[in-house]
Amino acid sequence: MKESNRTRRFLLFLVGGAMPVALTLGLIFRLSTIFITAFLLILGVIFAAMWLWYQANLRASGEEWWQDDEASGWRGY
């Protein structure tokens, strides 16, 4: 497994794990439900974006056709 995939999975674990922790701490410290809900929605959007990015790049090798080093887009084929 590539090191970058391991790091991405760890970050997904951290953001996903922060959601129940934030909910639990919010309920323990009796924070406003509006604040807890807004924070969980923000974490959810971040988690969803990270998950989509992880899934989109899961099988990427770096040699994809759209990764062109030249600004013109012409690869000379």
PDB file of N, CA and C in Angstrom:
ATOM      1  N   MET A   1       0.843  -1.177   0.000  1.00  0.00           N
ATOM      2  CA  MET A   1       0.000   0.000   0.000  1.00  0.00           C
ATOM      3  C   MET A   1       0.887   1.238   0.000  1.00  0.00           C
ATOM      4  N   LYS A   2       0.471   2.209  -0.786  1.00  0.00           N
ATOM      5  CA  LYS A   2       1.243   3.434  -0.855  1.00  0.00           C
ATOM      6  C   LYS A   2       1.083   4.231   0.436  1.00  0.00           C
ATOM      7  N   GLU A   3       2.140   4.952   0.782  1.00  0.00           N
ATOM      8  CA  GLU A   3       2.124   5.750   2.007  1.00  0.00           C
ATOM      9  C   GLU A   3       1.067   6.847   1.958  1.00  0.00           C
ATOM     10  N   SER A   4       0.835   7.421   0.770  1.00  0.00           N
ATOM     11  CA  SER A   4      -0.157   8.491   0.661  1.00  0.00           C
ATOM     12  C   SER A   4      -1.566   7.973   0.939  1.00  0.00           C
ATOM     13  N   ASN A   5      -1.880   6.747   0.508  1.00  0.00           N
ATOM     14  CA  ASN A   5      -3.194   6.179   0.803  1.00  0.00           C
ATOM     15  C   ASN A   5      -3.365   5.949   2.295  1.00  0.00           C
ATOM     16  N   ARG A   6      -2.315   5.526   2.955  1.00  0.00           N
ATOM     17  CA  ARG A   6      -2.381   5.300   4.399  1.00  0.00           C
ATOM     18  C   ARG A   6      -2.633   6.617   5.129  1.00  0.00           C
ATOM     19  N   THR A   7      -1.966   7.671   4.696  1.00  0.00           N
ATOM     20  CA  THR A   7      -2.149   8.979   5.311  1.00  0.00           C
ATOM     21  C   THR A   7      -3.564   9.490   5.076  1.00  0.00           C
ATOM     22  N   ARG A   8      -4.063   9.323   3.856  1.00  0.00           N
ATOM     23  CA  ARG A   8      -5.431   9.766   3.556  1.00  0.00           C
ATOM     24  C   ARG A   8      -6.455   9.006   4.378  1.00  0.00           C
ATOM     25  N   ARG A   9      -6.267   7.709   4.527  1.00  0.00           N
ATOM     26  CA  ARG A   9      -7.197   6.922   5.347  1.00  0.00           C
ATOM     27  C   ARG A   9      -7.137   7.349   6.797  1.00  0.00           C
ATOM     28  N   PHE A  10      -5.942   7.677   7.299  1.00  0.00           N
ATOM     29  CA  PHE A  10      -5.818   8.133   8.677  1.00  0.00           C
ATOM     30  C   PHE A  10      -6.545   9.463   8.873  1.00  0.00           C
ATOM     31  N   LEU A  11      -6.424  10.375   7.903  1.00  0.00           N
ATOM     32  CA  LEU A  11      -7.131  11.648   7.999  1.00  0.00           C
ATOM     33  C   LEU A  11      -8.644  11.441   7.947  1.00  0.00           C
ATOM     34  N   LEU A  12      -9.104  10.516   7.114  1.00  0.00           N
ATOM     35  CA  LEU A  12     -10.529  10.192   7.086  1.00  0.00           C
ATOM     36  C   LEU A  12     -10.982   9.646   8.438  1.00  0.00           C
ATOM     37  N   PHE A  13     -10.166   8.810   9.030  1.00  0.00           N
ATOM     38  CA  PHE A  13     -10.480   8.258  10.352  1.00  0.00           C
ATOM     39  C   PHE A  13     -10.569   9.367  11.398  1.00  0.00           C
ATOM     40  N   LEU A  14      -9.643  10.324  11.338  1.00  0.00           N
ATOM     41  CA  LEU A  14      -9.656  11.418  12.310  1.00  0.00           C
ATOM     42  C   LEU A  14     -10.903  12.292  12.169  1.00  0.00           C
ATOM     43  N   VAL A  15     -11.231  12.669  10.947  1.00  0.00           N
ATOM     44  CA  VAL A  15     -12.399  13.532  10.741  1.00  0.00           C
ATOM     45  C   VAL A  15     -13.685  12.767  11.057  1.00  0.00           C
ATOM     46  N   GLY A  16     -13.773  11.520  10.624  1.00  0.00           N
ATOM     47  CA  GLY A  16     -14.955  10.716  10.928  1.00  0.00           C
ATOM     48  C   GLY A  16     -15.095  10.436  12.410  1.00  0.00           C
ATOM     49  N   GLY A  17     -13.984  10.224  13.094  1.00  0.00           N
ATOM     50  CA  GLY A  17     -14.015   9.983  14.534  1.00  0.00           C
ATOM     51  C   GLY A  17     -14.296  11.236  15.338  1.00  0.00           C
ATOM     52  N   ALA A  18     -14.024  12.395  14.765  1.00  0.00           N
ATOM     53  CA  ALA A  18     -14.286  13.653  15.470  1.00  0.00           C
ATOM     54  C   ALA A  18     -15.780  13.918  15.591  1.00  0.00           C
ATOM     55  N   MET A  19     -16.566  13.337  14.714  1.00  0.00           N
ATOM     56  CA  MET A  19     -18.008  13.593  14.745  1.00  0.00           C
ATOM     57  C   MET A  19     -18.665  13.023  15.999  1.00  0.00           C
ATOM     58  N   PRO A  20     -18.513  11.746  16.325  1.00  0.00           N
ATOM     59  CA  PRO A  20     -19.140  11.260  17.570  1.00  0.00           C
ATOM     60  C   PRO A  20     -18.500  11.867  18.818  1.00  0.00           C
ATOM     61  N   VAL A  21     -17.204  12.165  18.743  1.00  0.00           N
ATOM     62  CA  VAL A  21     -16.547  12.794  19.893  1.00  0.00           C
ATOM     63  C   VAL A  21     -17.115  14.191  20.130  1.00  0.00           C
ATOM     64  N   ALA A  22     -17.307  14.957  19.054  1.00  0.00           N
ATOM     65  CA  ALA A  22     -17.876  16.300  19.181  1.00  0.00           C
ATOM     66  C   ALA A  22     -19.307  16.233  19.711  1.00  0.00           C
ATOM     67  N   LEU A  23     -20.079  15.282  19.234  1.00  0.00           N
ATOM     68  CA  LEU A  23     -21.447  15.132  19.715  1.00  0.00           C
ATOM     69  C   LEU A  23     -21.466  14.773  21.201  1.00  0.00           C
ATOM     70  N   THR A  24     -20.630  13.834  21.585  1.00  0.00           N
ATOM     71  CA  THR A  24     -20.582  13.415  22.982  1.00  0.00           C
ATOM     72  C   THR A  24     -20.130  14.553  23.890  1.00  0.00           C
ATOM     73  N   LEU A  25     -19.053  15.242  23.501  1.00  0.00           N
ATOM     74  CA  LEU A  25     -18.577  16.351  24.326  1.00  0.00           C
ATOM     75  C   LEU A  25     -19.587  17.494  24.379  1.00  0.00           C
ATOM     76  N   GLY A  26     -20.262  17.740  23.277  1.00  0.00           N
ATOM     77  CA  GLY A  26     -21.289  18.779  23.260  1.00  0.00           C
ATOM     78  C   GLY A  26     -22.431  18.467  24.200  1.00  0.00           C
ATOM     79  N   LEU A  27     -22.823  17.194  24.265  1.00  0.00           N
ATOM     80  CA  LEU A  27     -23.893  16.804  25.171  1.00  0.00           C
ATOM     81  C   LEU A  27     -23.424  16.792  26.621  1.00  0.00           C
ATOM     82  N   ILE A  28     -22.198  16.375  26.858  1.00  0.00           N
ATOM     83  CA  ILE A  28     -21.668  16.348  28.228  1.00  0.00           C
ATOM     84  C   ILE A  28     -21.556  17.762  28.794  1.00  0.00           C
ATOM     85  N   PHE A  29     -21.030  18.690  27.991  1.00  0.00           N
ATOM     86  CA  PHE A  29     -20.835  20.064  28.455  1.00  0.00           C
ATOM     87  C   PHE A  29     -22.054  20.947  28.206  1.00  0.00           C
ATOM     88  N   ARG A  30     -23.143  20.343  27.757  1.00  0.00           N
ATOM     89  CA  ARG A  30     -24.419  21.027  27.534  1.00  0.00           C
ATOM     90  C   ARG A  30     -24.267  22.275  26.671  1.00  0.00           C
ATOM     91  N   LEU A  31     -23.599  22.094  25.538  1.00  0.00           N
ATOM     92  CA  LEU A  31     -23.467  23.179  24.585  1.00  0.00           C
ATOM     93  C   LEU A  31     -24.779  23.347  23.828  1.00  0.00           C
ATOM     94  N   SER A  32     -24.920  24.464  23.176  1.00  0.00           N
ATOM     95  CA  SER A  32     -26.128  24.747  22.408  1.00  0.00           C
ATOM     96  C   SER A  32     -26.291  23.710  21.299  1.00  0.00           C
ATOM     97  N   THR A  33     -27.521  23.234  21.133  1.00  0.00           N
ATOM     98  CA  THR A  33     -27.765  22.243  20.089  1.00  0.00           C
ATOM     99  C   THR A  33     -27.546  22.840  18.700  1.00  0.00           C
ATOM    100  N   ILE A  34     -27.771  24.138  18.554  1.00  0.00           N
ATOM    101  CA  ILE A  34     -27.513  24.795  17.271  1.00  0.00           C
ATOM    102  C   ILE A  34     -26.021  24.753  16.961  1.00  0.00           C
ATOM    103  N   PHE A  35     -25.199  25.023  17.966  1.00  0.00           N
ATOM    104  CA  PHE A  35     -23.744  24.973  17.780  1.00  0.00           C
ATOM    105  C   PHE A  35     -23.281  23.561  17.449  1.00  0.00           C
ATOM    106  N   ILE A  36     -23.789  22.582  18.172  1.00  0.00           N
ATOM    107  CA  ILE A  36     -23.409  21.185  17.928  1.00  0.00           C
ATOM    108  C   ILE A  36     -23.825  20.761  16.521  1.00  0.00           C
ATOM    109  N   THR A  37     -25.043  21.108  16.137  1.00  0.00           N
ATOM    110  CA  THR A  37     -25.543  20.730  14.813  1.00  0.00           C
ATOM    111  C   THR A  37     -24.724  21.380  13.706  1.00  0.00           C
ATOM    112  N   ALA A  38     -24.434  22.669  13.852  1.00  0.00           N
ATOM    113  CA  ALA A  38     -23.641  23.365  12.839  1.00  0.00           C
ATOM    114  C   ALA A  38     -22.245  22.764  12.732  1.00  0.00           C
ATOM    115  N   PHE A  39     -21.631  22.471  13.864  1.00  0.00           N
ATOM    116  CA  PHE A  39     -20.295  21.884  13.859  1.00  0.00           C
ATOM    117  C   PHE A  39     -20.300  20.504  13.212  1.00  0.00           C
ATOM    118  N   LEU A  40     -21.315  19.705  13.507  1.00  0.00           N
ATOM    119  CA  LEU A  40     -21.408  18.374  12.910  1.00  0.00           C
ATOM    120  C   LEU A  40     -21.685  18.454  11.402  1.00  0.00           C
ATOM    121  N   LEU A  41     -22.470  19.430  10.979  1.00  0.00           N
ATOM    122  CA  LEU A  41     -22.696  19.603   9.552  1.00  0.00           C
ATOM    123  C   LEU A  41     -21.409  19.989   8.827  1.00  0.00           C
ATOM    124  N   ILE A  42     -20.632  20.874   9.424  1.00  0.00           N
ATOM    125  CA  ILE A  42     -19.350  21.265   8.831  1.00  0.00           C
ATOM    126  C   ILE A  42     -18.416  20.065   8.756  1.00  0.00           C
ATOM    127  N   LEU A  43     -18.327  19.308   9.844  1.00  0.00           N
ATOM    128  CA  LEU A  43     -17.488  18.107   9.829  1.00  0.00           C
ATOM    129  C   LEU A  43     -17.985  17.098   8.794  1.00  0.00           C
ATOM    130  N   GLY A  44     -19.289  16.976   8.651  1.00  0.00           N
ATOM    131  CA  GLY A  44     -19.853  16.050   7.670  1.00  0.00           C
ATOM    132  C   GLY A  44     -19.511  16.438   6.242  1.00  0.00           C
ATOM    133  N   VAL A  45     -19.579  17.726   5.941  1.00  0.00           N
ATOM    134  CA  VAL A  45     -19.235  18.194   4.594  1.00  0.00           C
ATOM    135  C   VAL A  45     -17.747  17.963   4.325  1.00  0.00           C
ATOM    136  N   ILE A  46     -16.909  18.252   5.315  1.00  0.00           N
ATOM    137  CA  ILE A  46     -15.466  18.018   5.164  1.00  0.00           C
ATOM    138  C   ILE A  46     -15.198  16.526   4.959  1.00  0.00           C
ATOM    139  N   PHE A  47     -15.847  15.692   5.755  1.00  0.00           N
ATOM    140  CA  PHE A  47     -15.660  14.250   5.639  1.00  0.00           C
ATOM    141  C   PHE A  47     -16.110  13.746   4.267  1.00  0.00           C
ATOM    142  N   ALA A  48     -17.256  14.229   3.792  1.00  0.00           N
ATOM    143  CA  ALA A  48     -17.770  13.792   2.488  1.00  0.00           C
ATOM    144  C   ALA A  48     -16.822  14.199   1.364  1.00  0.00           C
ATOM    145  N   ALA A  49     -16.299  15.423   1.429  1.00  0.00           N
ATOM    146  CA  ALA A  49     -15.374  15.878   0.388  1.00  0.00           C
ATOM    147  C   ALA A  49     -14.086  15.069   0.417  1.00  0.00           C
ATOM    148  N   MET A  50     -13.585  14.796   1.626  1.00  0.00           N
ATOM    149  CA  MET A  50     -12.365  13.993   1.739  1.00  0.00           C
ATOM    150  C   MET A  50     -12.604  12.577   1.237  1.00  0.00           C
ATOM    151  N   TRP A  51     -13.760  11.981   1.527  1.00  0.00           N
ATOM    152  CA  TRP A  51     -14.071  10.623   1.087  1.00  0.00           C
ATOM    153  C   TRP A  51     -14.168  10.549  -0.436  1.00  0.00           C
ATOM    154  N   LEU A  52     -14.830  11.545  -1.028  1.00  0.00           N
ATOM    155  CA  LEU A  52     -14.921  11.562  -2.484  1.00  0.00           C
ATOM    156  C   LEU A  52     -13.547  11.696  -3.124  1.00  0.00           C
ATOM    157  N   TRP A  53     -12.713  12.559  -2.569  1.00  0.00           N
ATOM    158  CA  TRP A  53     -11.356  12.738  -3.093  1.00  0.00           C
ATOM    159  C   TRP A  53     -10.551  11.444  -2.945  1.00  0.00           C
ATOM    160  N   TYR A  54     -10.699  10.778  -1.807  1.00  0.00           N
ATOM    161  CA  TYR A  54      -9.993   9.517  -1.573  1.00  0.00           C
ATOM    162  C   TYR A  54     -10.431   8.459  -2.587  1.00  0.00           C
ATOM    163  N   GLN A  55     -11.740   8.331  -2.799  1.00  0.00           N
ATOM    164  CA  GLN A  55     -12.248   7.334  -3.740  1.00  0.00           C
ATOM    165  C   GLN A  55     -11.845   7.657  -5.180  1.00  0.00           C
ATOM    166  N   ALA A  56     -11.823   8.940  -5.520  1.00  0.00           N
ATOM    167  CA  ALA A  56     -11.469   9.333  -6.884  1.00  0.00           C
ATOM    168  C   ALA A  56     -10.004   9.045  -7.191  1.00  0.00           C
ATOM    169  N   ASN A  57      -9.153   9.124  -6.191  1.00  0.00           N
ATOM    170  CA  ASN A  57      -7.724   8.936  -6.398  1.00  0.00           C
ATOM    171  C   ASN A  57      -7.217   7.573  -5.940  1.00  0.00           C
ATOM    172  N   LEU A  58      -8.112   6.672  -5.629  1.00  0.00           N
ATOM    173  CA  LEU A  58      -7.713   5.379  -5.081  1.00  0.00           C
ATOM    174  C   LEU A  58      -6.834   4.586  -6.040  1.00  0.00           C
ATOM    175  N   ARG A  59      -7.176   4.596  -7.312  1.00  0.00           N
ATOM    176  CA  ARG A  59      -6.427   3.812  -8.289  1.00  0.00           C
ATOM    177  C   ARG A  59      -5.567   4.673  -9.213  1.00  0.00           C
ATOM    178  N   ALA A  60      -5.369   5.922  -8.846  1.00  0.00           N
ATOM    179  CA  ALA A  60      -4.570   6.820  -9.680  1.00  0.00           C
ATOM    180  C   ALA A  60      -3.089   6.463  -9.549  1.00  0.00           C
ATOM    181  N   SER A  61      -2.403   6.474 -10.691  1.00  0.00           N
ATOM    182  CA  SER A  61      -0.979   6.137 -10.699  1.00  0.00           C
ATOM    183  C   SER A  61      -0.097   7.352 -10.950  1.00  0.00           C
ATOM    184  N   GLY A  62      -0.699   8.469 -11.371  1.00  0.00           N
ATOM    185  CA  GLY A  62       0.079   9.647 -11.719  1.00  0.00           C
ATOM    186  C   GLY A  62       0.387   9.729 -13.190  1.00  0.00           C
ATOM    187  N   GLU A  63       0.000   8.715 -13.941  1.00  0.00           N
ATOM    188  CA  GLU A  63       0.254   8.684 -15.387  1.00  0.00           C
ATOM    189  C   GLU A  63      -1.030   8.879 -16.189  1.00  0.00           C
ATOM    190  N   GLU A  64      -2.053   9.440 -15.575  1.00  0.00           N
ATOM    191  CA  GLU A  64      -3.322   9.615 -16.261  1.00  0.00           C
ATOM    192  C   GLU A  64      -3.172  10.637 -17.376  1.00  0.00           C
ATOM    193  N   TRP A  65      -4.038  10.520 -18.377  1.00  0.00           N
ATOM    194  CA  TRP A  65      -3.913  11.358 -19.570  1.00  0.00           C
ATOM    195  C   TRP A  65      -4.167  12.830 -19.274  1.00  0.00           C
ATOM    196  N   TRP A  66      -4.955  13.154 -18.252  1.00  0.00           N
ATOM    197  CA  TRP A  66      -5.257  14.561 -17.990  1.00  0.00           C
ATOM    198  C   TRP A  66      -4.142  15.262 -17.209  1.00  0.00           C
ATOM    199  N   GLN A  67      -3.166  14.533 -16.748  1.00  0.00           N
ATOM    200  CA  GLN A  67      -2.058  15.138 -16.014  1.00  0.00           C
ATOM    201  C   GLN A  67      -0.966  15.539 -16.993  1.00  0.00           C
ATOM    202  N   ASP A  68      -1.200  16.632 -17.668  1.00  0.00           N
ATOM    203  CA  ASP A  68      -0.310  17.125 -18.705  1.00  0.00           C
ATOM    204  C   ASP A  68       0.566  18.225 -18.126  1.00  0.00           C
ATOM    205  N   ASP A  69       1.862  18.148 -18.380  1.00  0.00           N
ATOM    206  CA  ASP A  69       2.789  19.149 -17.865  1.00  0.00           C
ATOM    207  C   ASP A  69       2.777  20.435 -18.680  1.00  0.00           C
ATOM    208  N   GLU A  70       2.241  20.370 -19.858  1.00  0.00           N
ATOM    209  CA  GLU A  70       2.243  21.549 -20.722  1.00  0.00           C
ATOM    210  C   GLU A  70       0.890  22.236 -20.674  1.00  0.00           C
ATOM    211  N   ALA A  71       0.914  23.550 -20.648  1.00  0.00           N
ATOM    212  CA  ALA A  71      -0.317  24.323 -20.502  1.00  0.00           C
ATOM    213  C   ALA A  71      -1.220  24.217 -21.722  1.00  0.00           C
ATOM    214  N   SER A  72      -0.661  23.890 -22.884  1.00  0.00           N
ATOM    215  CA  SER A  72      -1.471  23.850 -24.100  1.00  0.00           C
ATOM    216  C   SER A  72      -2.390  22.646 -24.125  1.00  0.00           C
ATOM    217  N   GLY A  73      -2.062  21.612 -23.397  1.00  0.00           N
ATOM    218  CA  GLY A  73      -2.846  20.395 -23.431  1.00  0.00           C
ATOM    219  C   GLY A  73      -2.449  19.444 -24.551  1.00  0.00           C
ATOM    220  N   TRP A  74      -1.548  19.853 -25.394  1.00  0.00           N
ATOM    221  CA  TRP A  74      -1.114  19.022 -26.509  1.00  0.00           C
ATOM    222  C   TRP A  74       0.022  18.119 -26.059  1.00  0.00           C
ATOM    223  N   ARG A  75      -0.158  16.825 -26.230  1.00  0.00           N
ATOM    224  CA  ARG A  75       0.867  15.880 -25.786  1.00  0.00           C
ATOM    225  C   ARG A  75       1.692  15.348 -26.949  1.00  0.00           C
ATOM    226  N   GLY A  76       1.360  15.705 -28.170  1.00  0.00           N
ATOM    227  CA  GLY A  76       2.162  15.296 -29.302  1.00  0.00           C
ATOM    228  C   GLY A  76       1.892  13.911 -29.812  1.00  0.00           C
ATOM    229  N   TYR A  77       0.733  13.350 -29.526  1.00  0.00           N
ATOM    230  CA  TYR A  77       0.413  12.021 -30.027  1.00  0.00           C
ATOM    231  C   TYR A  77       0.047  12.089 -31.483  1.00  0.00           C
TER     232      TYR A  77
END
